[in-house]
Amino acid sequence: MCKVLTFRNYNLIVIATLYCHTFEFIIGNFFPLFGSLLLLKSNMHIVTLSVWSLFRLLFTFEEHAGYDFPWHLNKAFPFVVCAEHHNFHHEKNIGNYSEFSVFWDKMFGTDQAYIDFKTDERREELGSSS
């Protein structure tokens, strides 16, 4: 019998970015960072790789910090995942799997629990303000 491993860190902290299964690390971290290097080999400029790696790491750290910083990319681009969206994934351990763009969550409907949660939250706010 296989033992099912589950993610148990519910409070977002930057160190949580390192807490993942080996398969998740390879598919979700290694390939997005270094996939282009594997494809382009020596045609990839080291500065391009460095800038891309720095951007992805800083974005991931910011997302796992649990704060909605005023300079976050989702202020300019509404399709970019915000910390609150990703925090729901860690808190409920359902849906909101996207790390950068909400496109895939929207396409496959994995953000429906989050949408329902936000709708209920807005109803409560409107009900308490009247």
N, C-alpha and C. Protein backbone atom coordinates (compact mmCIF):
# COMPACT_ATOMS: atom_id res chain seq x y z
N MET A 1 0.83 -1.18 0.00
CA MET A 1 0.00 0.00 0.00
C MET A 1 0.88 1.25 0.00
N CYS A 2 0.45 2.22 -0.76
CA CYS A 2 1.16 3.49 -0.80
C CYS A 2 0.55 4.43 0.23
N LYS A 3 1.40 5.16 0.88
CA LYS A 3 0.93 6.17 1.83
C LYS A 3 0.77 7.48 1.06
N VAL A 4 -0.38 8.12 1.20
CA VAL A 4 -0.63 9.37 0.50
C VAL A 4 -0.01 10.51 1.28
N LEU A 5 0.83 11.28 0.60
CA LEU A 5 1.44 12.45 1.23
C LEU A 5 0.61 13.66 0.91
N THR A 6 0.30 14.44 1.91
CA THR A 6 -0.49 15.65 1.69
C THR A 6 0.28 16.85 2.18
N PHE A 7 -0.03 17.97 1.58
CA PHE A 7 0.59 19.24 1.96
C PHE A 7 -0.08 19.74 3.22
N ARG A 8 0.68 20.06 4.25
CA ARG A 8 0.09 20.42 5.53
C ARG A 8 0.41 21.84 5.99
N ASN A 9 1.10 22.61 5.22
CA ASN A 9 1.43 23.97 5.62
C ASN A 9 0.32 24.91 5.15
N TYR A 10 -0.48 25.43 6.08
CA TYR A 10 -1.62 26.25 5.71
C TYR A 10 -1.32 27.74 5.75
N ASN A 11 -0.35 28.15 6.51
CA ASN A 11 0.00 29.56 6.60
C ASN A 11 1.15 29.84 5.65
N LEU A 12 0.93 30.78 4.76
CA LEU A 12 1.94 31.07 3.76
C LEU A 12 3.14 31.78 4.37
N ILE A 13 4.27 31.22 4.12
CA ILE A 13 5.55 31.84 4.45
C ILE A 13 6.47 31.54 3.28
N VAL A 14 7.48 32.33 3.11
CA VAL A 14 8.35 32.19 1.95
C VAL A 14 9.00 30.81 1.90
N ILE A 15 9.36 30.26 3.04
CA ILE A 15 10.01 28.95 3.05
C ILE A 15 9.08 27.85 2.53
N ALA A 16 7.76 28.11 2.52
CA ALA A 16 6.80 27.12 2.01
C ALA A 16 7.01 26.84 0.53
N THR A 17 7.69 27.73 -0.18
CA THR A 17 7.94 27.49 -1.60
C THR A 17 8.82 26.27 -1.80
N LEU A 18 9.60 25.92 -0.80
CA LEU A 18 10.50 24.78 -0.92
C LEU A 18 9.85 23.47 -0.49
N TYR A 19 8.66 23.54 0.09
CA TYR A 19 7.99 22.38 0.65
C TYR A 19 7.06 21.76 -0.39
N CYS A 20 7.56 20.78 -1.12
CA CYS A 20 6.73 20.13 -2.12
C CYS A 20 7.26 18.72 -2.38
N HIS A 21 6.43 17.92 -3.00
CA HIS A 21 6.79 16.57 -3.38
C HIS A 21 7.84 16.61 -4.49
N THR A 22 8.64 15.59 -4.62
CA THR A 22 9.68 15.53 -5.65
C THR A 22 9.09 15.68 -7.05
N PHE A 23 7.98 15.00 -7.32
CA PHE A 23 7.33 15.10 -8.63
C PHE A 23 6.87 16.54 -8.90
N GLU A 24 6.28 17.17 -7.89
CA GLU A 24 5.85 18.56 -8.03
C GLU A 24 7.04 19.48 -8.27
N PHE A 25 8.16 19.21 -7.60
CA PHE A 25 9.35 20.03 -7.81
C PHE A 25 9.84 19.91 -9.25
N ILE A 26 9.87 18.70 -9.78
CA ILE A 26 10.37 18.50 -11.14
C ILE A 26 9.43 19.14 -12.16
N ILE A 27 8.13 18.87 -12.05
CA ILE A 27 7.16 19.36 -13.02
C ILE A 27 6.87 20.85 -12.83
N GLY A 28 6.74 21.30 -11.60
CA GLY A 28 6.31 22.67 -11.33
C GLY A 28 7.41 23.68 -11.11
N ASN A 29 8.60 23.21 -10.74
CA ASN A 29 9.69 24.14 -10.45
C ASN A 29 10.87 24.01 -11.42
N PHE A 30 11.35 22.79 -11.59
CA PHE A 30 12.54 22.59 -12.41
C PHE A 30 12.30 22.90 -13.88
N PHE A 31 11.26 22.28 -14.47
CA PHE A 31 11.00 22.49 -15.90
C PHE A 31 10.64 23.93 -16.25
N PRO A 32 9.78 24.60 -15.47
CA PRO A 32 9.51 26.01 -15.82
C PRO A 32 10.76 26.89 -15.74
N LEU A 33 11.64 26.60 -14.81
CA LEU A 33 12.85 27.41 -14.69
C LEU A 33 13.89 27.05 -15.74
N PHE A 34 14.14 25.77 -15.92
CA PHE A 34 15.27 25.35 -16.74
C PHE A 34 14.86 24.63 -18.03
N GLY A 35 13.57 24.56 -18.31
CA GLY A 35 13.11 23.89 -19.53
C GLY A 35 13.66 24.54 -20.79
N SER A 36 13.69 25.87 -20.78
CA SER A 36 14.22 26.57 -21.96
C SER A 36 15.71 26.27 -22.14
N LEU A 37 16.42 26.13 -21.07
CA LEU A 37 17.85 25.80 -21.16
C LEU A 37 18.02 24.40 -21.74
N LEU A 38 17.15 23.48 -21.34
CA LEU A 38 17.22 22.12 -21.88
C LEU A 38 16.87 22.10 -23.37
N LEU A 39 15.93 22.95 -23.78
CA LEU A 39 15.53 23.00 -25.19
C LEU A 39 16.53 23.73 -26.07
N LEU A 40 17.02 24.88 -25.59
CA LEU A 40 17.89 25.71 -26.42
C LEU A 40 19.38 25.41 -26.26
N LYS A 41 19.72 24.72 -25.20
CA LYS A 41 21.10 24.32 -24.90
C LYS A 41 22.05 25.52 -24.95
N SER A 42 23.03 25.49 -25.80
CA SER A 42 24.04 26.56 -25.82
C SER A 42 23.53 27.85 -26.47
N ASN A 43 22.36 27.84 -27.09
CA ASN A 43 21.80 29.05 -27.69
C ASN A 43 21.16 29.97 -26.65
N MET A 44 21.00 29.49 -25.42
CA MET A 44 20.41 30.29 -24.35
C MET A 44 21.50 31.15 -23.72
N HIS A 45 21.29 32.45 -23.72
CA HIS A 45 22.27 33.36 -23.13
C HIS A 45 22.16 33.29 -21.62
N ILE A 46 23.28 33.32 -20.95
CA ILE A 46 23.33 33.18 -19.50
C ILE A 46 22.59 34.34 -18.80
N VAL A 47 22.63 35.52 -19.38
CA VAL A 47 21.93 36.67 -18.78
C VAL A 47 20.41 36.46 -18.87
N THR A 48 19.94 35.95 -20.00
CA THR A 48 18.51 35.67 -20.16
C THR A 48 18.06 34.63 -19.15
N LEU A 49 18.82 33.57 -19.01
CA LEU A 49 18.50 32.53 -18.03
C LEU A 49 18.52 33.10 -16.61
N SER A 50 19.50 33.92 -16.30
CA SER A 50 19.61 34.50 -14.96
C SER A 50 18.45 35.44 -14.64
N VAL A 51 18.09 36.29 -15.59
CA VAL A 51 16.98 37.23 -15.38
C VAL A 51 15.67 36.45 -15.22
N TRP A 52 15.43 35.46 -16.09
CA TRP A 52 14.21 34.66 -16.00
C TRP A 52 14.15 33.92 -14.65
N SER A 53 15.26 33.31 -14.24
CA SER A 53 15.30 32.58 -12.97
C SER A 53 15.04 33.52 -11.80
N LEU A 54 15.66 34.68 -11.82
CA LEU A 54 15.46 35.66 -10.74
C LEU A 54 14.00 36.12 -10.69
N PHE A 55 13.42 36.41 -11.85
CA PHE A 55 12.02 36.81 -11.91
C PHE A 55 11.11 35.74 -11.33
N ARG A 56 11.27 34.50 -11.76
CA ARG A 56 10.41 33.41 -11.28
C ARG A 56 10.57 33.17 -9.78
N LEU A 57 11.80 33.21 -9.30
CA LEU A 57 12.02 32.99 -7.87
C LEU A 57 11.43 34.12 -7.03
N LEU A 58 11.67 35.36 -7.44
CA LEU A 58 11.12 36.49 -6.70
C LEU A 58 9.60 36.48 -6.73
N PHE A 59 9.03 36.16 -7.88
CA PHE A 59 7.57 36.09 -7.99
C PHE A 59 7.02 35.01 -7.06
N THR A 60 7.66 33.84 -7.04
CA THR A 60 7.20 32.75 -6.19
C THR A 60 7.34 33.10 -4.72
N PHE A 61 8.45 33.72 -4.35
CA PHE A 61 8.64 34.13 -2.95
C PHE A 61 7.59 35.16 -2.54
N GLU A 62 7.34 36.13 -3.43
CA GLU A 62 6.35 37.17 -3.13
C GLU A 62 4.97 36.54 -2.97
N GLU A 63 4.64 35.62 -3.84
CA GLU A 63 3.34 34.96 -3.79
C GLU A 63 3.16 34.17 -2.50
N HIS A 64 4.22 33.55 -2.00
CA HIS A 64 4.15 32.77 -0.78
C HIS A 64 4.38 33.60 0.47
N ALA A 65 4.65 34.88 0.31
CA ALA A 65 4.80 35.74 1.49
C ALA A 65 3.45 36.01 2.14
N GLY A 66 2.37 35.83 1.37
CA GLY A 66 1.03 36.00 1.92
C GLY A 66 0.55 37.44 1.93
N TYR A 67 1.28 38.34 1.30
CA TYR A 67 0.89 39.75 1.25
C TYR A 67 0.54 40.15 -0.18
N ASP A 68 -0.39 41.05 -0.30
CA ASP A 68 -0.75 41.59 -1.61
C ASP A 68 -0.01 42.92 -1.77
N PHE A 69 1.24 42.85 -2.20
CA PHE A 69 2.07 44.04 -2.30
C PHE A 69 1.57 44.98 -3.39
N PRO A 70 1.72 46.29 -3.21
CA PRO A 70 1.23 47.25 -4.21
C PRO A 70 1.95 47.15 -5.56
N TRP A 71 3.13 46.59 -5.60
CA TRP A 71 3.88 46.49 -6.85
C TRP A 71 3.68 45.13 -7.54
N HIS A 72 2.82 44.30 -7.00
CA HIS A 72 2.61 42.97 -7.57
C HIS A 72 2.06 43.09 -8.99
N LEU A 73 2.42 42.15 -9.85
CA LEU A 73 2.03 42.17 -11.26
C LEU A 73 0.52 42.11 -11.46
N ASN A 74 -0.22 41.57 -10.49
CA ASN A 74 -1.68 41.47 -10.69
C ASN A 74 -2.36 42.83 -10.65
N LYS A 75 -1.67 43.86 -10.23
CA LYS A 75 -2.22 45.22 -10.27
C LYS A 75 -2.32 45.72 -11.72
N ALA A 76 -1.35 45.32 -12.54
CA ALA A 76 -1.33 45.75 -13.94
C ALA A 76 -1.97 44.71 -14.88
N PHE A 77 -1.87 43.44 -14.50
CA PHE A 77 -2.37 42.36 -15.33
C PHE A 77 -3.34 41.50 -14.52
N PRO A 78 -4.64 41.60 -14.77
CA PRO A 78 -5.62 40.90 -13.95
C PRO A 78 -5.57 39.37 -14.03
N PHE A 79 -4.87 38.82 -15.01
CA PHE A 79 -4.78 37.36 -15.15
C PHE A 79 -3.68 36.76 -14.29
N VAL A 80 -2.88 37.60 -13.63
CA VAL A 80 -1.78 37.12 -12.80
C VAL A 80 -2.32 36.77 -11.41
N VAL A 81 -1.88 35.65 -10.88
CA VAL A 81 -2.32 35.16 -9.57
C VAL A 81 -1.85 36.11 -8.47
N CYS A 82 -2.74 36.43 -7.54
CA CYS A 82 -2.37 37.25 -6.38
C CYS A 82 -2.13 36.33 -5.18
N ALA A 83 -1.57 36.87 -4.13
CA ALA A 83 -1.25 36.08 -2.94
C ALA A 83 -2.51 35.48 -2.32
N GLU A 84 -3.61 36.23 -2.32
CA GLU A 84 -4.86 35.73 -1.73
C GLU A 84 -5.37 34.51 -2.50
N HIS A 85 -5.28 34.56 -3.81
CA HIS A 85 -5.72 33.44 -4.66
C HIS A 85 -4.91 32.20 -4.34
N HIS A 86 -3.60 32.34 -4.25
CA HIS A 86 -2.73 31.20 -4.00
C HIS A 86 -2.85 30.73 -2.54
N ASN A 87 -3.09 31.66 -1.63
CA ASN A 87 -3.25 31.31 -0.23
C ASN A 87 -4.45 30.38 -0.04
N PHE A 88 -5.51 30.61 -0.80
CA PHE A 88 -6.68 29.74 -0.73
C PHE A 88 -6.31 28.30 -1.06
N HIS A 89 -5.43 28.13 -2.02
CA HIS A 89 -4.94 26.79 -2.40
C HIS A 89 -4.28 26.11 -1.21
N HIS A 90 -3.46 26.82 -0.48
CA HIS A 90 -2.77 26.24 0.68
C HIS A 90 -3.71 26.05 1.86
N GLU A 91 -4.63 26.98 2.03
CA GLU A 91 -5.53 26.93 3.17
C GLU A 91 -6.54 25.79 3.06
N LYS A 92 -7.14 25.63 1.89
CA LYS A 92 -8.20 24.63 1.68
C LYS A 92 -7.69 23.36 1.01
N ASN A 93 -6.52 23.45 0.39
CA ASN A 93 -5.90 22.34 -0.32
C ASN A 93 -6.79 21.81 -1.46
N ILE A 94 -7.58 22.73 -2.04
CA ILE A 94 -8.38 22.41 -3.21
C ILE A 94 -8.30 23.57 -4.18
N GLY A 95 -8.19 23.27 -5.45
CA GLY A 95 -8.23 24.30 -6.48
C GLY A 95 -7.09 25.30 -6.41
N ASN A 96 -7.21 26.32 -7.28
CA ASN A 96 -6.23 27.40 -7.37
C ASN A 96 -4.80 26.86 -7.50
N TYR A 97 -4.60 26.00 -8.44
CA TYR A 97 -3.29 25.38 -8.61
C TYR A 97 -2.31 26.27 -9.37
N SER A 98 -2.81 27.28 -10.04
CA SER A 98 -1.94 28.14 -10.84
C SER A 98 -0.94 28.87 -9.98
N GLU A 99 0.26 28.96 -10.50
CA GLU A 99 1.30 29.70 -9.79
C GLU A 99 1.51 31.08 -10.38
N PHE A 100 1.23 31.23 -11.66
CA PHE A 100 1.48 32.52 -12.30
C PHE A 100 0.22 33.13 -12.90
N SER A 101 -0.51 32.37 -13.67
CA SER A 101 -1.68 32.88 -14.37
C SER A 101 -2.93 32.10 -13.97
N VAL A 102 -4.06 32.79 -13.85
CA VAL A 102 -5.31 32.12 -13.49
C VAL A 102 -5.95 31.44 -14.70
N PHE A 103 -5.31 31.52 -15.85
CA PHE A 103 -5.87 30.97 -17.08
C PHE A 103 -6.26 29.50 -16.93
N TRP A 104 -5.33 28.66 -16.45
CA TRP A 104 -5.60 27.23 -16.36
C TRP A 104 -6.66 26.92 -15.32
N ASP A 105 -6.67 27.64 -14.22
CA ASP A 105 -7.73 27.44 -13.22
C ASP A 105 -9.09 27.79 -13.79
N LYS A 106 -9.16 28.86 -14.56
CA LYS A 106 -10.43 29.24 -15.20
C LYS A 106 -10.83 28.19 -16.23
N MET A 107 -9.88 27.74 -17.02
CA MET A 107 -10.17 26.81 -18.10
C MET A 107 -10.72 25.47 -17.57
N PHE A 108 -10.12 24.97 -16.48
CA PHE A 108 -10.52 23.67 -15.95
C PHE A 108 -11.48 23.78 -14.77
N GLY A 109 -11.83 24.99 -14.37
CA GLY A 109 -12.79 25.18 -13.30
C GLY A 109 -12.27 24.85 -11.91
N THR A 110 -10.95 24.80 -11.76
CA THR A 110 -10.38 24.45 -10.45
C THR A 110 -10.40 25.62 -9.48
N ASP A 111 -10.89 26.76 -9.92
CA ASP A 111 -10.99 27.92 -9.02
C ASP A 111 -12.42 28.16 -8.54
N GLN A 112 -13.32 27.21 -8.81
CA GLN A 112 -14.73 27.42 -8.46
C GLN A 112 -14.94 27.54 -6.95
N ALA A 113 -14.23 26.76 -6.15
CA ALA A 113 -14.36 26.86 -4.69
C ALA A 113 -13.93 28.25 -4.21
N TYR A 114 -12.89 28.79 -4.82
CA TYR A 114 -12.42 30.14 -4.46
C TYR A 114 -13.45 31.19 -4.87
N ILE A 115 -14.03 31.05 -6.05
CA ILE A 115 -15.05 32.00 -6.52
C ILE A 115 -16.25 31.96 -5.58
N ASP A 116 -16.68 30.75 -5.20
CA ASP A 116 -17.79 30.62 -4.25
C ASP A 116 -17.46 31.26 -2.91
N PHE A 117 -16.23 31.04 -2.45
CA PHE A 117 -15.78 31.62 -1.18
C PHE A 117 -15.82 33.15 -1.24
N LYS A 118 -15.30 33.72 -2.33
CA LYS A 118 -15.29 35.19 -2.48
C LYS A 118 -16.71 35.74 -2.59
N THR A 119 -17.60 35.01 -3.27
CA THR A 119 -18.99 35.43 -3.40
C THR A 119 -19.67 35.45 -2.03
N ASP A 120 -19.46 34.40 -1.25
CA ASP A 120 -20.03 34.35 0.10
C ASP A 120 -19.45 35.45 0.99
N GLU A 121 -18.16 35.70 0.84
CA GLU A 121 -17.50 36.76 1.62
C GLU A 121 -18.11 38.13 1.28
N ARG A 122 -18.35 38.39 0.02
CA ARG A 122 -18.96 39.67 -0.40
C ARG A 122 -20.38 39.79 0.12
N ARG A 123 -21.14 38.68 0.07
CA ARG A 123 -22.52 38.70 0.60
C ARG A 123 -22.53 39.04 2.08
N GLU A 124 -21.61 38.46 2.82
CA GLU A 124 -21.51 38.73 4.27
C GLU A 124 -21.17 40.20 4.51
N GLU A 125 -20.24 40.75 3.71
CA GLU A 125 -19.87 42.15 3.86
C GLU A 125 -21.06 43.05 3.57
N LEU A 126 -21.79 42.75 2.51
CA LEU A 126 -22.96 43.56 2.16
C LEU A 126 -24.06 43.42 3.21
N GLY A 127 -24.24 42.23 3.74
CA GLY A 127 -25.25 41.99 4.76
C GLY A 127 -24.93 42.70 6.07
N SER A 128 -23.66 42.74 6.43
CA SER A 128 -23.27 43.39 7.69
C SER A 128 -23.22 44.90 7.56
N SER A 129 -23.05 45.43 6.34
CA SER A 129 -22.98 46.88 6.18
C SER A 129 -24.36 47.52 6.10
N SER A 130 -25.41 46.74 5.82
CA SER A 130 -26.74 47.33 5.70
C SER A 130 -27.51 47.27 7.02
